[in-house]
Amino acid sequence: MLWGCFAAGGTGALHKIEGIMRMEKYVNIMKQHLKTSVRKLKLGHKWVFQMDNDPKHTSKVVAKLLKDNKVKILEWPSQSPDLNPLEKLWAELKKCMRARRPTNLNPLHQLCQDEWAKIYPTYWAKIVEGYPKRLTQVKQFKGNATKY
């Protein structure tokens, strides 16, 4: 399992998660990678963090960590369609991994790191710029399937 983040300007950290992802691991990842990714991406203070409603993401401990660090969170309704733009990246990484056929977890992780680093910033900008249109379509179709 991987944790990653991005903005219109490119990729932040990509972190390999050992074992089962629990709330404590998520908190450690946030502490270790969120601020460094924000600095790397040169986001300044005008950014919003998006995550889904997984219980480990919405726990009191995570909420406190984010509040203490003045992180703005994009409100995400429960039972909503999966609109996370990061899902496009995971699909792309999976496609690359199938083509390269790593033989075990170490080469798989290294290949993911390599592919993550190769993703051109214009790819991310395109995803972010297309997001309002995607949201409008989902609203128009009342949460049902769209062409995205």
C-alpha atoms as a PDB file:
ATOM      1  CA  MET A   1       0.000   0.000   0.000  1.00  0.00           C
ATOM      2  CA  LEU A   2       1.152   3.536  -0.746  1.00  0.00           C
ATOM      3  CA  TRP A   3       0.321   6.991   0.566  1.00  0.00           C
ATOM      4  CA  GLY A   4       0.851   9.850  -1.840  1.00  0.00           C
ATOM      5  CA  CYS A   5      -0.111  13.443  -2.398  1.00  0.00           C
ATOM      6  CA  PHE A   6      -0.064  15.922  -5.259  1.00  0.00           C
ATOM      7  CA  ALA A   7      -1.049  19.429  -6.267  1.00  0.00           C
ATOM      8  CA  ALA A   8      -1.477  21.127  -9.628  1.00  0.00           C
ATOM      9  CA  GLY A   9       2.282  21.787  -9.657  1.00  0.00           C
ATOM     10  CA  GLY A  10       3.423  18.191  -9.260  1.00  0.00           C
ATOM     11  CA  THR A  11       3.905  15.336  -6.829  1.00  0.00           C
ATOM     12  CA  GLY A  12       4.610  15.370  -3.136  1.00  0.00           C
ATOM     13  CA  ALA A  13       5.758  12.387  -1.132  1.00  0.00           C
ATOM     14  CA  LEU A  14       5.063   8.789  -2.035  1.00  0.00           C
ATOM     15  CA  HIS A  15       5.354   6.605   1.053  1.00  0.00           C
ATOM     16  CA  LYS A  16       5.307   2.805   1.256  1.00  0.00           C
ATOM     17  CA  ILE A  17       3.113   1.498   4.066  1.00  0.00           C
ATOM     18  CA  GLU A  18       4.257  -1.665   5.770  1.00  0.00           C
ATOM     19  CA  GLY A  19       1.532  -3.961   7.066  1.00  0.00           C
ATOM     20  CA  ILE A  20      -2.002  -2.830   7.782  1.00  0.00           C
ATOM     21  CA  MET A  21      -2.803   0.870   7.581  1.00  0.00           C
ATOM     22  CA  ARG A  22      -4.128   1.899  10.956  1.00  0.00           C
ATOM     23  CA  MET A  23      -4.836   5.333  12.397  1.00  0.00           C
ATOM     24  CA  GLU A  24      -1.455   5.477  14.167  1.00  0.00           C
ATOM     25  CA  LYS A  25       0.385   4.842  10.896  1.00  0.00           C
ATOM     26  CA  TYR A  26      -1.710   7.479   9.166  1.00  0.00           C
ATOM     27  CA  VAL A  27      -0.844  10.027  11.869  1.00  0.00           C
ATOM     28  CA  ASN A  28       2.867   9.224  11.506  1.00  0.00           C
ATOM     29  CA  ILE A  29       2.676   9.560   7.721  1.00  0.00           C
ATOM     30  CA  MET A  30       0.945  12.914   8.066  1.00  0.00           C
ATOM     31  CA  LYS A  31       3.574  14.120  10.539  1.00  0.00           C
ATOM     32  CA  GLN A  32       6.423  12.876   8.373  1.00  0.00           C
ATOM     33  CA  HIS A  33       5.257  13.764   4.860  1.00  0.00           C
ATOM     34  CA  LEU A  34       2.527  16.402   4.733  1.00  0.00           C
ATOM     35  CA  LYS A  35       4.570  19.499   5.631  1.00  0.00           C
ATOM     36  CA  THR A  36       7.566  18.426   3.555  1.00  0.00           C
ATOM     37  CA  SER A  37       5.276  17.838   0.569  1.00  0.00           C
ATOM     38  CA  VAL A  38       3.660  21.260   1.014  1.00  0.00           C
ATOM     39  CA  ARG A  39       7.121  22.863   1.028  1.00  0.00           C
ATOM     40  CA  LYS A  40       8.301  20.821  -1.976  1.00  0.00           C
ATOM     41  CA  LEU A  41       5.207  21.821  -3.925  1.00  0.00           C
ATOM     42  CA  LYS A  42       5.612  25.484  -2.846  1.00  0.00           C
ATOM     43  CA  LEU A  43       1.962  25.722  -1.820  1.00  0.00           C
ATOM     44  CA  GLY A  44       2.421  28.441   0.794  1.00  0.00           C
ATOM     45  CA  HIS A  45      -0.674  28.891   2.965  1.00  0.00           C
ATOM     46  CA  LYS A  46      -3.393  28.744   0.307  1.00  0.00           C
ATOM     47  CA  TRP A  47      -4.109  25.069  -0.110  1.00  0.00           C
ATOM     48  CA  VAL A  48      -6.766  22.604   0.961  1.00  0.00           C
ATOM     49  CA  PHE A  49      -6.150  19.001   1.944  1.00  0.00           C
ATOM     50  CA  GLN A  50      -8.467  16.348   0.539  1.00  0.00           C
ATOM     51  CA  MET A  51      -8.938  12.896   1.960  1.00  0.00           C
ATOM     52  CA  ASP A  52     -11.833  10.490   1.964  1.00  0.00           C
ATOM     53  CA  ASN A  53     -14.019   9.585   4.938  1.00  0.00           C
ATOM     54  CA  ASP A  54     -12.100   6.490   5.937  1.00  0.00           C
ATOM     55  CA  PRO A  55     -12.400   6.220   9.744  1.00  0.00           C
ATOM     56  CA  LYS A  56      -8.637   6.537  10.233  1.00  0.00           C
ATOM     57  CA  HIS A  57      -8.705   9.808   8.275  1.00  0.00           C
ATOM     58  CA  THR A  58     -11.570  11.247  10.297  1.00  0.00           C
ATOM     59  CA  SER A  59     -10.435  10.104  13.750  1.00  0.00           C
ATOM     60  CA  LYS A  60     -10.189  12.627  16.586  1.00  0.00           C
ATOM     61  CA  VAL A  61      -6.406  12.220  16.687  1.00  0.00           C
ATOM     62  CA  VAL A  62      -6.052  13.070  12.987  1.00  0.00           C
ATOM     63  CA  ALA A  63      -8.533  15.948  13.280  1.00  0.00           C
ATOM     64  CA  LYS A  64      -6.506  17.397  16.169  1.00  0.00           C
ATOM     65  CA  LEU A  65      -3.221  17.006  14.279  1.00  0.00           C
ATOM     66  CA  LEU A  66      -4.633  18.791  11.245  1.00  0.00           C
ATOM     67  CA  LYS A  67      -6.262  21.523  13.347  1.00  0.00           C
ATOM     68  CA  ASP A  68      -3.049  22.088  15.353  1.00  0.00           C
ATOM     69  CA  ASN A  69      -1.162  22.473  12.063  1.00  0.00           C
ATOM     70  CA  LYS A  70      -3.833  24.790  10.597  1.00  0.00           C
ATOM     71  CA  VAL A  71      -4.566  22.444   7.699  1.00  0.00           C
ATOM     72  CA  LYS A  72      -7.757  23.308   5.819  1.00  0.00           C
ATOM     73  CA  ILE A  73      -9.745  20.195   4.967  1.00  0.00           C
ATOM     74  CA  LEU A  74     -12.035  19.853   1.975  1.00  0.00           C
ATOM     75  CA  GLU A  75     -15.361  18.723   3.387  1.00  0.00           C
ATOM     76  CA  TRP A  76     -16.256  15.386   1.910  1.00  0.00           C
ATOM     77  CA  PRO A  77     -19.810  14.059   2.277  1.00  0.00           C
ATOM     78  CA  SER A  78     -20.298  10.473   3.358  1.00  0.00           C
ATOM     79  CA  GLN A  79     -21.803   8.129   0.792  1.00  0.00           C
ATOM     80  CA  SER A  80     -20.549  10.339  -2.037  1.00  0.00           C
ATOM     81  CA  PRO A  81     -19.166   9.136  -5.365  1.00  0.00           C
ATOM     82  CA  ASP A  82     -15.409   8.570  -5.310  1.00  0.00           C
ATOM     83  CA  LEU A  83     -14.194  11.836  -6.787  1.00  0.00           C
ATOM     84  CA  ASN A  84     -10.707  11.734  -5.381  1.00  0.00           C
ATOM     85  CA  PRO A  85      -8.425  12.847  -8.235  1.00  0.00           C
ATOM     86  CA  LEU A  86      -5.650  10.729  -6.784  1.00  0.00           C
ATOM     87  CA  GLU A  87      -7.567   7.658  -7.964  1.00  0.00           C
ATOM     88  CA  LYS A  88      -6.564   8.576 -11.532  1.00  0.00           C
ATOM     89  CA  LEU A  89      -2.936   8.337 -10.468  1.00  0.00           C
ATOM     90  CA  TRP A  90      -3.357   4.982  -8.746  1.00  0.00           C
ATOM     91  CA  ALA A  91      -4.962   3.628 -11.925  1.00  0.00           C
ATOM     92  CA  GLU A  92      -2.064   4.969 -14.000  1.00  0.00           C
ATOM     93  CA  LEU A  93       0.539   3.462 -11.636  1.00  0.00           C
ATOM     94  CA  LYS A  94      -1.225   0.094 -11.750  1.00  0.00           C
ATOM     95  CA  LYS A  95      -1.172   0.210 -15.549  1.00  0.00           C
ATOM     96  CA  CYS A  96       2.572   0.934 -15.531  1.00  0.00           C
ATOM     97  CA  MET A  97       3.233  -1.870 -13.035  1.00  0.00           C
ATOM     98  CA  ARG A  98       1.322  -4.414 -15.142  1.00  0.00           C
ATOM     99  CA  ALA A  99       3.445  -3.445 -18.138  1.00  0.00           C
ATOM    100  CA  ARG A 100       6.741  -3.707 -16.220  1.00  0.00           C
ATOM    101  CA  ARG A 101       5.867  -6.837 -14.225  1.00  0.00           C
ATOM    102  CA  PRO A 102       7.882  -6.508 -10.997  1.00  0.00           C
ATOM    103  CA  THR A 103       8.654  -9.864  -9.371  1.00  0.00           C
ATOM    104  CA  ASN A 104       8.310  -8.905  -5.686  1.00  0.00           C
ATOM    105  CA  LEU A 105       7.548  -5.989  -3.370  1.00  0.00           C
ATOM    106  CA  ASN A 106      10.973  -4.311  -3.438  1.00  0.00           C
ATOM    107  CA  PRO A 107      11.104  -3.869  -7.223  1.00  0.00           C
ATOM    108  CA  LEU A 108       7.403  -2.939  -7.156  1.00  0.00           C
ATOM    109  CA  HIS A 109       8.059  -0.120  -4.676  1.00  0.00           C
ATOM    110  CA  GLN A 110      11.081   1.120  -6.620  1.00  0.00           C
ATOM    111  CA  LEU A 111       9.157   1.095  -9.897  1.00  0.00           C
ATOM    112  CA  CYS A 112       6.306   3.032  -8.256  1.00  0.00           C
ATOM    113  CA  GLN A 113       8.822   5.619  -6.993  1.00  0.00           C
ATOM    114  CA  ASP A 114      10.358   5.869 -10.472  1.00  0.00           C
ATOM    115  CA  GLU A 115       6.992   6.281 -12.203  1.00  0.00           C
ATOM    116  CA  TRP A 116       5.812   8.781  -9.558  1.00  0.00           C
ATOM    117  CA  ALA A 117       8.876  10.917 -10.180  1.00  0.00           C
ATOM    118  CA  LYS A 118       8.330  10.804 -13.969  1.00  0.00           C
ATOM    119  CA  ILE A 119       4.796  12.192 -13.895  1.00  0.00           C
ATOM    120  CA  TYR A 120       5.001  15.554 -15.581  1.00  0.00           C
ATOM    121  CA  PRO A 121       3.508  18.569 -13.714  1.00  0.00           C
ATOM    122  CA  THR A 122       1.164  19.346 -16.621  1.00  0.00           C
ATOM    123  CA  TYR A 123      -0.551  15.998 -15.944  1.00  0.00           C
ATOM    124  CA  TRP A 124      -1.412  17.158 -12.423  1.00  0.00           C
ATOM    125  CA  ALA A 125      -2.469  20.603 -13.588  1.00  0.00           C
ATOM    126  CA  LYS A 126      -4.844  18.988 -16.102  1.00  0.00           C
ATOM    127  CA  ILE A 127      -6.424  16.834 -13.381  1.00  0.00           C
ATOM    128  CA  VAL A 128      -6.870  19.790 -11.026  1.00  0.00           C
ATOM    129  CA  GLU A 129      -8.186  22.108 -13.757  1.00  0.00           C
ATOM    130  CA  GLY A 130     -10.726  19.500 -14.877  1.00  0.00           C
ATOM    131  CA  TYR A 131     -12.050  18.933 -11.390  1.00  0.00           C
ATOM    132  CA  PRO A 132     -14.808  21.609 -11.383  1.00  0.00           C
ATOM    133  CA  LYS A 133     -16.239  20.154 -14.607  1.00  0.00           C
ATOM    134  CA  ARG A 134     -16.193  16.696 -13.067  1.00  0.00           C
ATOM    135  CA  LEU A 135     -18.004  17.919  -9.949  1.00  0.00           C
ATOM    136  CA  THR A 136     -20.619  19.672 -12.097  1.00  0.00           C
ATOM    137  CA  GLN A 137     -21.261  16.460 -14.039  1.00  0.00           C
ATOM    138  CA  VAL A 138     -21.602  14.394 -10.867  1.00  0.00           C
ATOM    139  CA  LYS A 139     -24.073  16.918  -9.509  1.00  0.00           C
ATOM    140  CA  GLN A 140     -25.974  16.934 -12.824  1.00  0.00           C
ATOM    141  CA  PHE A 141     -26.183  13.123 -12.788  1.00  0.00           C
ATOM    142  CA  LYS A 142     -27.137  13.126  -9.075  1.00  0.00           C
ATOM    143  CA  GLY A 143     -24.142  11.008  -8.092  1.00  0.00           C
ATOM    144  CA  ASN A 144     -24.648   8.387 -10.775  1.00  0.00           C
ATOM    145  CA  ALA A 145     -21.974   7.357 -13.278  1.00  0.00           C
ATOM    146  CA  THR A 146     -20.473   9.989 -15.568  1.00  0.00           C
ATOM    147  CA  LYS A 147     -18.020   9.744 -18.440  1.00  0.00           C
ATOM    148  CA  TYR A 148     -15.158  10.273 -15.973  1.00  0.00           C
END
